[in-house]
Protein backbone atom coordinates (compact mmCIF):
# COMPACT_ATOMS: atom_id res chain seq x y z
CA UNK A 1 -0.04 -0.27 -0.14
CA UNK A 2 1.26 3.65 -1.19
CA UNK A 3 -0.93 6.03 0.12
CA UNK A 4 -2.31 6.23 3.61
CA UNK A 5 -5.99 5.51 4.77
CA UNK A 6 -8.11 6.22 7.74
CA UNK A 7 -7.78 2.64 8.66
CA UNK A 8 -4.49 1.82 7.92
CA UNK A 9 -0.80 3.69 7.53
CA UNK A 10 1.68 3.12 4.27
CA UNK A 11 4.99 0.91 5.02
CA UNK A 12 6.78 4.37 4.52
CA UNK A 13 4.52 6.24 7.10
CA UNK A 14 5.18 3.69 9.46
CA UNK A 15 8.88 3.27 8.80
CA UNK A 16 9.46 7.07 8.74
CA UNK A 17 7.95 7.81 11.97
CA UNK A 18 9.80 4.80 13.95
CA UNK A 19 12.93 5.36 12.58
CA UNK A 20 12.86 9.39 13.15
CA UNK A 21 11.37 8.92 16.76
CA UNK A 22 14.09 6.22 17.61
CA UNK A 23 16.86 8.88 16.34
CA UNK A 24 15.29 11.86 18.24
CA UNK A 25 14.99 10.09 21.09
CA UNK A 26 18.81 8.49 21.09
CA UNK A 27 20.16 12.29 20.26
CA UNK A 28 18.15 13.77 22.70
CA UNK A 29 19.41 11.08 25.14
CA UNK A 30 22.79 11.52 24.36
CA UNK A 31 22.98 14.82 24.19
CA UNK A 32 21.65 14.98 27.77
CA UNK A 33 24.11 12.79 28.81
CA UNK A 34 27.27 14.91 27.53
CA UNK A 35 25.88 17.78 28.94
CA UNK A 36 25.33 16.45 32.49
CA UNK A 37 28.47 14.63 32.46
CA UNK A 38 30.98 16.33 29.77
CA UNK A 39 31.51 13.10 28.49
CA UNK A 40 32.32 14.96 25.05
CA UNK A 41 34.02 11.97 23.35
CA UNK A 42 30.67 11.06 22.76
CA UNK A 43 29.97 14.42 20.58
CA UNK A 44 31.39 12.84 17.52
CA UNK A 45 28.41 10.16 17.67
CA UNK A 46 25.39 12.60 18.37
CA UNK A 47 26.34 14.94 15.57
CA UNK A 48 26.83 11.82 13.06
CA UNK A 49 23.03 10.86 14.61
CA UNK A 50 21.99 14.35 14.25
CA UNK A 51 22.71 14.62 10.56
CA UNK A 52 21.23 11.45 9.76
CA UNK A 53 17.74 12.43 12.23
CA UNK A 54 17.94 15.63 9.94
CA UNK A 55 17.89 13.57 6.50
CA UNK A 56 15.55 11.35 7.88
CA UNK A 57 13.43 14.28 9.14
CA UNK A 58 13.31 16.24 5.52
CA UNK A 59 12.21 12.64 3.45
CA UNK A 60 9.52 12.35 6.12
CA UNK A 61 8.50 16.20 5.34
CA UNK A 62 8.76 15.82 1.92
CA UNK A 63 6.13 12.22 2.54
CA UNK A 64 3.83 14.33 4.86
CA UNK A 65 3.59 17.09 2.10
CA UNK A 66 2.76 14.23 -0.51
CA UNK A 67 0.40 12.52 1.21
CA UNK A 68 -1.07 15.27 3.36
CA UNK A 69 -1.93 14.39 7.72
CA UNK A 70 -3.77 10.87 8.37
CA UNK A 71 -7.26 11.23 9.31
CA UNK A 72 -8.14 10.90 12.83
CA UNK A 73 -9.58 7.26 13.77
CA UNK A 74 -11.94 8.52 15.53
CA UNK A 75 -14.07 11.46 16.37
CA UNK A 76 -12.47 13.83 18.81
CA UNK A 77 -13.01 17.16 20.42
CA UNK A 78 -11.92 20.74 18.35
CA UNK A 79 -9.36 21.15 21.51
CA UNK A 80 -8.32 17.62 21.24
CA UNK A 81 -7.76 18.00 17.20
CA UNK A 82 -6.20 21.48 17.81
CA UNK A 83 -3.82 20.17 20.58
CA UNK A 84 -2.96 16.78 18.37
CA UNK A 85 -1.67 18.90 15.55
CA UNK A 86 0.02 21.74 17.84
CA UNK A 87 2.63 18.33 18.89
CA UNK A 88 2.56 17.07 15.65
CA UNK A 89 3.54 20.50 13.85
CA UNK A 90 6.21 20.46 17.37
CA UNK A 91 7.97 17.27 16.42
CA UNK A 92 7.91 17.60 12.40
CA UNK A 93 9.70 21.23 12.56
CA UNK A 94 11.74 20.16 15.91
CA UNK A 95 13.06 17.03 13.85
CA UNK A 96 14.52 19.66 11.40
CA UNK A 97 15.46 22.46 13.64
CA UNK A 98 17.11 21.08 16.25
CA UNK A 99 19.88 19.30 13.88
CA UNK A 100 20.54 22.12 11.88
CA UNK A 101 20.82 24.46 15.22
CA UNK A 102 23.09 22.05 16.58
CA UNK A 103 24.98 22.06 13.01
CA UNK A 104 25.14 25.96 13.31
CA UNK A 105 26.16 25.73 16.41
CA UNK A 106 28.95 23.29 16.48
CA UNK A 107 30.03 25.09 12.68
CA UNK A 108 30.27 28.70 14.28
CA UNK A 109 31.73 27.88 17.04
CA UNK A 110 34.83 26.62 15.58
CA UNK A 111 34.00 23.02 16.48
CA UNK A 112 33.39 22.01 12.95
CA UNK A 113 31.15 18.92 12.50
CA UNK A 114 31.45 15.46 10.72
CA UNK A 115 29.00 13.03 10.50
CA UNK A 116 30.08 8.91 10.50
CA UNK A 117 34.01 10.23 10.35
CA UNK A 118 33.40 12.42 6.88
CA UNK A 119 34.13 16.12 7.83
CA UNK A 120 30.96 18.48 6.61
CA UNK A 121 32.63 21.40 7.98
CA UNK A 122 35.92 21.91 9.49
CA UNK A 123 37.00 22.98 12.77
CA UNK A 124 38.18 26.24 12.95
CA UNK A 125 41.49 25.77 15.16
CA UNK A 126 43.84 28.40 16.60
CA UNK A 127 47.77 28.43 17.17
CA UNK A 128 47.49 26.67 20.26
CA UNK A 129 46.73 22.81 18.61
CA UNK A 130 43.99 21.08 17.50
CA UNK A 131 41.80 21.59 20.44
CA UNK A 132 42.08 25.46 20.82
CA UNK A 133 38.57 26.18 18.74
CA UNK A 134 38.19 29.44 17.38
CA UNK A 135 34.57 30.73 16.91
CA UNK A 136 33.65 31.89 13.54
CA UNK A 137 30.70 33.87 14.51
CA UNK A 138 30.13 33.48 18.16
CA UNK A 139 27.27 35.20 18.05
CA UNK A 140 25.36 33.20 15.68
CA UNK A 141 26.88 30.02 17.79
CA UNK A 142 25.91 31.79 20.86
CA UNK A 143 22.21 32.32 19.15
CA UNK A 144 21.69 28.97 17.98
CA UNK A 145 22.86 27.41 21.15
CA UNK A 146 19.78 28.85 22.77
CA UNK A 147 18.08 27.49 19.95
CA UNK A 148 19.18 24.44 20.51
CA UNK A 149 18.33 24.13 24.14
CA UNK A 150 15.08 25.49 23.69
CA UNK A 151 14.14 23.25 21.04
CA UNK A 152 15.67 20.26 22.64
CA UNK A 153 13.53 20.82 25.67
CA UNK A 154 10.05 21.68 24.00
CA UNK A 155 10.70 18.13 22.46
CA UNK A 156 10.99 16.53 25.14
CA UNK A 157 7.93 17.60 26.05
CA UNK A 158 6.18 17.22 22.87
CA UNK A 159 7.31 13.59 22.96
CA UNK A 160 5.77 13.31 26.34
CA UNK A 161 2.51 14.77 25.52
CA UNK A 162 2.44 12.68 22.11
CA UNK A 163 3.16 9.66 24.04
CA UNK A 164 0.22 10.55 26.45
CA UNK A 165 -2.00 11.10 23.63
CA UNK A 166 -1.01 7.86 21.92
CA UNK A 167 -2.09 5.82 25.36
CA UNK A 168 -4.98 7.49 25.82
CA UNK A 169 -6.12 6.71 22.67
CA UNK A 170 -5.61 2.93 23.38
CA UNK A 171 -6.37 2.68 26.68
CA UNK A 172 -9.42 5.81 27.32
CA UNK A 173 -10.77 6.07 23.80
CA UNK A 174 -9.90 2.04 22.80
CA UNK A 175 -9.74 3.44 19.38
CA UNK A 176 -6.47 2.18 16.42
CA UNK A 177 -4.53 4.92 16.52
CA UNK A 178 -1.39 2.88 18.11
CA UNK A 179 -2.20 -0.23 16.14
CA UNK A 180 -2.39 2.10 13.13
CA UNK A 181 0.50 3.45 14.55
CA UNK A 182 2.33 0.06 14.38
CA UNK A 183 1.27 -0.98 11.12
CA UNK A 184 -1.15 -3.02 11.83
CA UNK A 185 -4.56 -0.93 11.06
């Protein structure tokens, strides 16, 4: 099946959802861990996953533009529909904004960006050796750092609300939303 329907989502839609979700959760978790423990040795993996999630997010957005938003399984109040749409927009926008702001923060901060060992933007080092990073544009790096942090916190809240909404559909509404998102329709 290529197109999404009210009762069944396409394999492409389901796959893009779960790949993007698992990558985003991994990136958020690794970012929190790196920040709290200062385990900067994990930063290359964090950046690599960030580039990968951005690729999948763009593909997912293009797919969503082609398919449109899936129909609701049941009838829901206007407030539930507005909240659902807002959360979905935050999630889909955040999956692009998070890696782009991280890329810009790192590149403009002079740290460079590599994905799986391939240099995408070179580090800008000073006279004191390879770990003497010199910002290319400190103002842009600072703004992108703020955007990256804010978007990460917003995504954590949106993911929690998204999961709570999915459980509400399954436990309280007893509808097919989760089964459809798992590809069972």
